[in-house]
């Protein structure tokens, strides 16, 4: 991991924390935009993503115009400094972890606590540092145009998901659509194409003979098929067409589906019904790890090892989802099983 500093931008003051020396500084925003920062040499800069968006309608969270942000980028390039964007939605979690491991008062919301907690979090979990986005100055209208297809695709999936959910996904009802029919027709083939670990995780359980699936899965009466419906629905629409990205008119790959359909990204917390069903039901409720980031819970984390256990379980679940999703995509898109 490269050396880095963490900054938090106020309306007039920038707060700076240097992890190596444990020093805090306050400088003017004018000094920051020129990167006139104490102890900066040899460091990259980490800053909450909300603070490096262009100011719109005098927003308190955004201090600079798009021209000022472009100047910041230019100064950083001239000094060979990388500016990385930390997802602001993760900051409260970083404070919880730092308060647990360093000192309790870091739990309190404060600019100095935020930057010190972010630094601690990134030091202890370097994979999070590696996943940070690089700062790219962009105005709101350009950004909106750039991501409009994402919201369009996510909305279309959510609308289809809500319809199916209202019909109980056709489980023990008369409702049918192309996704339901695909599962009924190919569920056994899907199960046998998966490794045992992924098959078990997905709820595709074999019967006592070990030669076929349990009756509830084969006759489409098991509630475990709700999750399978959600996965298939990201590739095949209820009307029987391939679900295409609205920007390139092609089926999504895993990278796109992971972020847009399943919401597995720290930068977008609200990603629709399919993402919610996966993250808060399948991944969290279905995890063997019952530890909680809620410090008021009876199962609250008590150490960094507890945090690592939660992360390991989440990553394990995400990897199995990837395996399942790719197999369903292969069957539908490449093998033409529809």
Protein backbone atom coordinates (compact mmCIF):
# COMPACT_ATOMS: atom_id res chain seq x y z
CA UNK A 1 0.00 0.00 0.00
CA UNK A 2 1.25 3.49 -0.84
CA UNK A 3 1.56 6.10 1.87
CA UNK A 4 -1.45 8.39 2.09
CA UNK A 5 -2.97 11.25 4.04
CA UNK A 6 -6.68 11.81 4.69
CA UNK A 7 -8.44 15.15 4.26
CA UNK A 8 -11.89 16.49 5.10
CA UNK A 9 -13.15 19.66 3.45
CA UNK A 10 -15.22 22.19 5.36
CA UNK A 11 -16.70 25.40 4.00
CA UNK A 12 -13.45 27.29 4.57
CA UNK A 13 -11.11 24.89 6.38
CA UNK A 14 -9.53 21.60 5.30
CA UNK A 15 -8.71 19.09 8.04
CA UNK A 16 -5.65 16.94 7.38
CA UNK A 17 -4.44 13.77 9.12
CA UNK A 18 -1.05 12.13 8.54
CA UNK A 19 -1.21 8.46 9.64
CA UNK A 20 2.59 7.94 9.84
CA UNK A 21 3.17 10.82 12.27
CA UNK A 22 -0.32 10.92 13.82
CA UNK A 23 -0.38 14.66 13.16
CA UNK A 24 -3.50 16.75 12.55
CA UNK A 25 -3.45 20.04 10.63
CA UNK A 26 -5.97 22.67 9.62
CA UNK A 27 -5.33 24.64 6.45
CA UNK A 28 -7.40 26.96 4.31
CA UNK A 29 -9.26 25.51 1.35
CA UNK A 30 -7.21 27.81 -0.90
CA UNK A 31 -4.04 26.13 0.36
CA UNK A 32 -5.56 22.72 -0.17
CA UNK A 33 -6.52 23.35 -3.78
CA UNK A 34 -2.87 24.25 -4.41
CA UNK A 35 -1.91 21.10 -2.46
CA UNK A 36 0.12 23.21 -0.07
CA UNK A 37 -0.22 20.57 2.65
CA UNK A 38 2.21 19.79 5.50
CA UNK A 39 4.02 16.44 5.18
CA UNK A 40 2.47 15.78 1.74
CA UNK A 41 5.67 14.66 0.01
CA UNK A 42 5.46 11.01 -1.03
CA UNK A 43 1.80 10.66 -0.06
CA UNK A 44 -1.41 10.28 -1.99
CA UNK A 45 -4.60 11.91 -0.75
CA UNK A 46 -7.79 10.19 0.41
CA UNK A 47 -10.92 12.31 0.68
CA UNK A 48 -14.64 11.56 1.01
CA UNK A 49 -16.20 11.39 -2.44
CA UNK A 50 -18.94 13.91 -1.59
CA UNK A 51 -16.35 16.64 -1.03
CA UNK A 52 -14.88 16.43 -4.53
CA UNK A 53 -18.12 16.83 -6.46
CA UNK A 54 -18.86 20.14 -8.11
CA UNK A 55 -20.93 22.64 -6.17
CA UNK A 56 -24.59 22.76 -7.21
CA UNK A 57 -27.11 25.25 -5.76
CA UNK A 58 -24.70 26.36 -3.02
CA UNK A 59 -24.51 22.91 -1.45
CA UNK A 60 -22.80 22.87 1.95
CA UNK A 61 -21.23 19.49 1.24
CA UNK A 62 -19.56 20.66 -2.00
CA UNK A 63 -17.08 23.51 -1.68
CA UNK A 64 -15.77 23.96 -5.23
CA UNK A 65 -16.94 24.72 -8.73
CA UNK A 66 -16.09 22.36 -11.57
CA UNK A 67 -13.31 24.75 -12.68
CA UNK A 68 -11.76 24.65 -9.21
CA UNK A 69 -11.95 20.86 -9.17
CA UNK A 70 -10.23 20.71 -12.55
CA UNK A 71 -7.51 22.96 -11.15
CA UNK A 72 -7.10 20.58 -8.21
CA UNK A 73 -6.72 17.67 -10.62
CA UNK A 74 -4.18 19.62 -12.65
CA UNK A 75 -2.10 20.51 -9.58
CA UNK A 76 -2.20 16.88 -8.42
CA UNK A 77 -1.06 15.66 -11.83
CA UNK A 78 1.79 18.15 -11.89
CA UNK A 79 2.98 16.85 -8.50
CA UNK A 80 2.37 13.19 -9.39
CA UNK A 81 -0.16 12.86 -6.57
CA UNK A 82 -3.14 10.52 -6.73
CA UNK A 83 -6.40 11.68 -5.18
CA UNK A 84 -8.66 8.81 -4.11
CA UNK A 85 -12.34 9.03 -3.19
CA UNK A 86 -13.51 7.32 -0.01
CA UNK A 87 -17.24 6.41 0.00
CA UNK A 88 -18.85 8.71 2.54
CA UNK A 89 -21.47 6.10 3.45
CA UNK A 90 -18.67 3.93 4.86
CA UNK A 91 -17.33 6.63 7.20
CA UNK A 92 -19.70 5.78 10.12
CA UNK A 93 -18.54 2.16 9.92
CA UNK A 94 -14.91 3.33 9.95
CA UNK A 95 -15.60 5.35 13.11
CA UNK A 96 -17.15 2.32 14.82
CA UNK A 97 -14.12 0.18 14.02
CA UNK A 98 -11.63 2.84 15.10
CA UNK A 99 -13.56 3.53 18.30
CA UNK A 100 -13.44 -0.16 19.12
CA UNK A 101 -9.75 -0.63 18.38
CA UNK A 102 -8.15 2.76 19.10
CA UNK A 103 -10.20 4.91 21.48
CA UNK A 104 -13.95 5.21 22.15
CA UNK A 105 -14.28 8.95 21.46
CA UNK A 106 -13.60 8.35 17.75
CA UNK A 107 -17.20 7.16 17.51
CA UNK A 108 -18.42 10.77 17.77
CA UNK A 109 -19.16 12.53 14.48
CA UNK A 110 -16.43 15.12 13.99
CA UNK A 111 -14.17 16.07 11.06
CA UNK A 112 -11.00 15.09 12.95
CA UNK A 113 -12.53 11.80 14.05
CA UNK A 114 -13.68 11.06 10.51
CA UNK A 115 -10.27 11.41 8.90
CA UNK A 116 -8.43 9.55 11.66
CA UNK A 117 -10.97 6.70 11.52
CA UNK A 118 -10.81 6.50 7.72
CA UNK A 119 -7.01 6.25 7.91
CA UNK A 120 -7.20 3.46 10.51
CA UNK A 121 -9.79 1.56 8.47
CA UNK A 122 -7.72 1.71 5.27
CA UNK A 123 -4.56 0.68 7.08
CA UNK A 124 -6.22 -2.36 8.63
CA UNK A 125 -8.11 -3.35 5.48
CA UNK A 126 -5.80 -2.58 2.53
CA UNK A 127 -8.17 -4.27 0.08
CA UNK A 128 -10.58 -1.41 0.78
CA UNK A 129 -7.81 1.04 -0.14
CA UNK A 130 -7.22 -0.81 -3.42
CA UNK A 131 -10.90 -0.46 -4.33
CA UNK A 132 -11.07 3.34 -3.94
CA UNK A 133 -12.07 5.33 -7.01
CA UNK A 134 -9.66 7.83 -8.52
CA UNK A 135 -10.83 11.45 -8.39
CA UNK A 136 -12.18 12.60 -11.74
CA UNK A 137 -13.59 16.16 -11.77
CA UNK A 138 -17.01 16.21 -13.39
CA UNK A 139 -20.00 18.53 -13.19
CA UNK A 140 -23.41 17.25 -12.16
CA UNK A 141 -25.00 17.40 -15.63
CA UNK A 142 -22.13 15.45 -17.18
CA UNK A 143 -22.19 12.96 -14.31
CA UNK A 144 -25.95 12.54 -14.64
CA UNK A 145 -25.61 11.87 -18.36
CA UNK A 146 -22.75 9.45 -17.74
CA UNK A 147 -24.73 7.31 -15.30
CA UNK A 148 -28.26 7.74 -16.68
CA UNK A 149 -28.21 4.24 -18.20
CA UNK A 150 -27.36 2.78 -14.79
CA UNK A 151 -30.44 4.29 -13.18
CA UNK A 152 -32.55 3.30 -16.19
CA UNK A 153 -31.39 -0.32 -16.02
CA UNK A 154 -31.75 -0.49 -12.25
CA UNK A 155 -35.27 0.99 -12.41
CA UNK A 156 -36.35 -1.49 -15.08
CA UNK A 157 -35.05 -4.39 -13.00
CA UNK A 158 -36.72 -3.05 -9.85
CA UNK A 159 -40.06 -2.69 -11.65
CA UNK A 160 -39.89 -6.31 -12.84
CA UNK A 161 -38.76 -7.46 -9.40
CA UNK A 162 -41.62 -5.65 -7.66
CA UNK A 163 -44.17 -7.23 -9.99
CA UNK A 164 -42.79 -10.70 -9.27
CA UNK A 165 -42.57 -10.04 -5.53
CA UNK A 166 -46.20 -8.92 -5.45
CA UNK A 167 -47.09 -12.21 -7.14
CA UNK A 168 -44.93 -14.17 -4.64
CA UNK A 169 -42.62 -15.05 -7.55
CA UNK A 170 -45.23 -17.56 -8.70
CA UNK A 171 -44.43 -19.85 -5.76
CA UNK A 172 -47.60 -21.77 -4.79
CA UNK A 173 -49.64 -19.39 -7.01
CA UNK A 174 -50.95 -19.39 -10.56
CA UNK A 175 -48.59 -16.60 -11.66
CA UNK A 176 -46.17 -17.44 -14.46
CA UNK A 177 -43.66 -15.50 -16.51
CA UNK A 178 -40.56 -16.35 -18.56
CA UNK A 179 -38.31 -16.35 -15.50
CA UNK A 180 -40.58 -18.73 -13.59
CA UNK A 181 -40.83 -21.02 -16.61
CA UNK A 182 -37.05 -20.98 -17.12
CA UNK A 183 -36.45 -22.03 -13.52
CA UNK A 184 -39.03 -24.81 -13.75
CA UNK A 185 -37.42 -26.10 -16.94
CA UNK A 186 -33.73 -25.76 -16.12
CA UNK A 187 -33.35 -25.77 -12.34
CA UNK A 188 -31.98 -29.33 -12.26
CA UNK A 189 -29.45 -28.65 -15.03
CA UNK A 190 -28.36 -25.48 -13.22
CA UNK A 191 -27.84 -27.38 -9.98
CA UNK A 192 -25.70 -30.08 -11.60
CA UNK A 193 -23.60 -27.43 -13.37
CA UNK A 194 -22.62 -25.86 -10.04
CA UNK A 195 -19.98 -26.98 -7.59
CA UNK A 196 -21.34 -28.50 -4.37
CA UNK A 197 -20.48 -25.51 -2.21
CA UNK A 198 -22.23 -22.99 -4.45
CA UNK A 199 -25.21 -25.30 -4.97
CA UNK A 200 -25.69 -25.67 -1.20
CA UNK A 201 -25.26 -21.93 -0.65
CA UNK A 202 -27.90 -21.19 -3.30
CA UNK A 203 -30.39 -23.47 -1.51
CA UNK A 204 -30.40 -26.11 -4.26
CA UNK A 205 -30.58 -29.15 -2.00
CA UNK A 206 -30.55 -32.73 -3.23
CA UNK A 207 -33.11 -35.28 -2.10
CA UNK A 208 -32.27 -38.32 0.01
CA UNK A 209 -31.08 -40.32 -3.03
CA UNK A 210 -28.64 -37.59 -4.06
CA UNK A 211 -29.74 -37.97 -7.67
CA UNK A 212 -32.14 -35.07 -8.00
CA UNK A 213 -33.33 -31.97 -6.18
CA UNK A 214 -35.83 -31.92 -3.36
CA UNK A 215 -39.50 -31.90 -4.50
CA UNK A 216 -40.14 -28.31 -3.43
CA UNK A 217 -37.46 -27.12 -5.85
CA UNK A 218 -38.56 -29.33 -8.73
CA UNK A 219 -42.26 -28.52 -8.44
CA UNK A 220 -41.62 -24.81 -7.77
CA UNK A 221 -43.10 -24.59 -4.29
CA UNK A 222 -39.98 -23.83 -2.23
CA UNK A 223 -39.44 -20.30 -0.91
CA UNK A 224 -35.74 -20.76 -1.67
CA UNK A 225 -36.62 -20.16 -5.32
CA UNK A 226 -37.24 -16.46 -4.58
CA UNK A 227 -33.49 -15.93 -4.58
CA UNK A 228 -33.00 -17.97 -7.75
CA UNK A 229 -35.72 -15.88 -9.42
CA UNK A 230 -33.85 -12.70 -8.53
CA UNK A 231 -30.63 -13.98 -10.10
CA UNK A 232 -32.26 -15.22 -13.31
CA UNK A 233 -34.25 -11.98 -13.59
CA UNK A 234 -31.02 -9.99 -13.97
CA UNK A 235 -30.30 -11.92 -17.20
CA UNK A 236 -33.74 -12.84 -18.56
CA UNK A 237 -36.73 -10.51 -18.38
CA UNK A 238 -40.19 -11.75 -17.32
CA UNK A 239 -41.31 -11.23 -20.93
CA UNK A 240 -38.70 -13.70 -22.17
CA UNK A 241 -36.12 -11.31 -23.64
CA UNK A 242 -32.48 -11.00 -22.70
CA UNK A 243 -31.99 -8.18 -20.20
CA UNK A 244 -29.75 -5.77 -22.11
CA UNK A 245 -27.78 -2.82 -20.85
CA UNK A 246 -29.52 0.28 -22.18
CA UNK A 247 -26.22 1.93 -23.20
CA UNK A 248 -24.59 -0.83 -25.29
CA UNK A 249 -27.63 -3.02 -25.98
CA UNK A 250 -25.83 -6.14 -24.79
CA UNK A 251 -26.26 -8.45 -21.77
CA UNK A 252 -24.34 -7.29 -18.71
CA UNK A 253 -21.10 -8.89 -17.60
CA UNK A 254 -20.46 -9.70 -13.95
CA UNK A 255 -18.72 -6.40 -13.17
CA UNK A 256 -21.79 -4.44 -14.28
CA UNK A 257 -24.31 -6.81 -12.67
CA UNK A 258 -22.37 -6.84 -9.40
CA UNK A 259 -22.54 -3.06 -9.03
CA UNK A 260 -25.78 -2.10 -10.79
CA UNK A 261 -28.11 -5.06 -10.20
CA UNK A 262 -26.83 -6.43 -6.87
CA UNK A 263 -25.50 -3.17 -5.41
CA UNK A 264 -22.19 -4.68 -4.30
CA UNK A 265 -20.40 -1.34 -4.15
CA UNK A 266 -19.79 1.07 -1.27
CA UNK A 267 -20.55 4.08 -3.47
CA UNK A 268 -24.26 3.39 -4.04
CA UNK A 269 -26.17 2.19 -0.99
CA UNK A 270 -29.67 2.10 -2.50
CA UNK A 271 -29.72 -0.15 -5.55
CA UNK A 272 -33.27 -1.48 -5.69
CA UNK A 273 -35.19 -4.61 -4.73
CA UNK A 274 -32.79 -7.19 -6.18
CA UNK A 275 -29.82 -5.66 -4.39
CA UNK A 276 -31.73 -5.38 -1.12
CA UNK A 277 -32.92 -8.98 -1.31
CA UNK A 278 -29.36 -10.15 -1.81
CA UNK A 279 -27.42 -7.93 0.59
CA UNK A 280 -29.85 -7.85 3.50
CA UNK A 281 -31.51 -11.24 3.19
CA UNK A 282 -29.31 -13.74 1.39
CA UNK A 283 -25.87 -12.36 2.28
CA UNK A 284 -26.58 -11.06 5.79
CA UNK A 285 -29.44 -13.14 7.17
CA UNK A 286 -28.13 -16.28 5.50
CA UNK A 287 -24.60 -15.87 6.84
CA UNK A 288 -23.13 -18.26 9.40
CA UNK A 289 -21.53 -15.21 10.99
CA UNK A 290 -24.11 -13.53 13.24
CA UNK A 291 -21.83 -10.73 14.42
CA UNK A 292 -23.20 -7.24 13.94
CA UNK A 293 -21.72 -3.83 13.15
CA UNK A 294 -24.54 -2.39 15.28
CA UNK A 295 -22.76 -1.65 18.54
CA UNK A 296 -26.07 -1.83 20.43
CA UNK A 297 -26.67 -5.41 19.32
CA UNK A 298 -26.08 -8.34 21.67
CA UNK A 299 -23.93 -9.75 18.84
CA UNK A 300 -21.95 -6.52 18.37
CA UNK A 301 -18.38 -6.70 17.16
CA UNK A 302 -15.81 -6.64 19.94
CA UNK A 303 -12.52 -6.75 18.04
CA UNK A 304 -10.91 -6.31 14.63
CA UNK A 305 -11.02 -10.07 14.24
CA UNK A 306 -14.81 -9.86 14.45
CA UNK A 307 -14.83 -7.27 11.66
CA UNK A 308 -12.59 -9.53 9.59
CA UNK A 309 -15.00 -12.44 10.12
CA UNK A 310 -17.90 -10.33 8.82
CA UNK A 311 -15.88 -9.23 5.78
CA UNK A 312 -14.75 -12.79 5.05
CA UNK A 313 -18.32 -14.09 5.13
CA UNK A 314 -19.50 -11.26 2.86
CA UNK A 315 -16.70 -11.88 0.39
CA UNK A 316 -17.38 -15.61 0.43
CA UNK A 317 -21.06 -15.00 -0.31
CA UNK A 318 -20.24 -12.57 -3.12
CA UNK A 319 -17.91 -15.11 -4.74
CA UNK A 320 -20.63 -17.77 -4.70
CA UNK A 321 -23.11 -15.31 -6.17
CA UNK A 322 -20.61 -14.62 -8.94
CA UNK A 323 -20.27 -18.34 -9.66
CA UNK A 324 -24.05 -18.84 -9.71
CA UNK A 325 -24.69 -15.73 -11.82
CA UNK A 326 -22.07 -16.60 -14.40
CA UNK A 327 -23.48 -20.11 -14.78
CA UNK A 328 -27.02 -18.80 -15.26
CA UNK A 329 -25.73 -16.26 -17.79
CA UNK A 330 -23.83 -18.96 -19.68
CA UNK A 331 -26.91 -21.16 -19.86
CA UNK A 332 -29.19 -18.35 -21.05
CA UNK A 333 -26.91 -16.19 -23.18
CA UNK A 334 -24.22 -18.50 -24.53
CA UNK A 335 -26.04 -21.84 -24.57
CA UNK A 336 -29.33 -20.27 -25.65
CA UNK A 337 -31.44 -22.16 -23.09
CA UNK A 338 -34.62 -20.08 -23.08
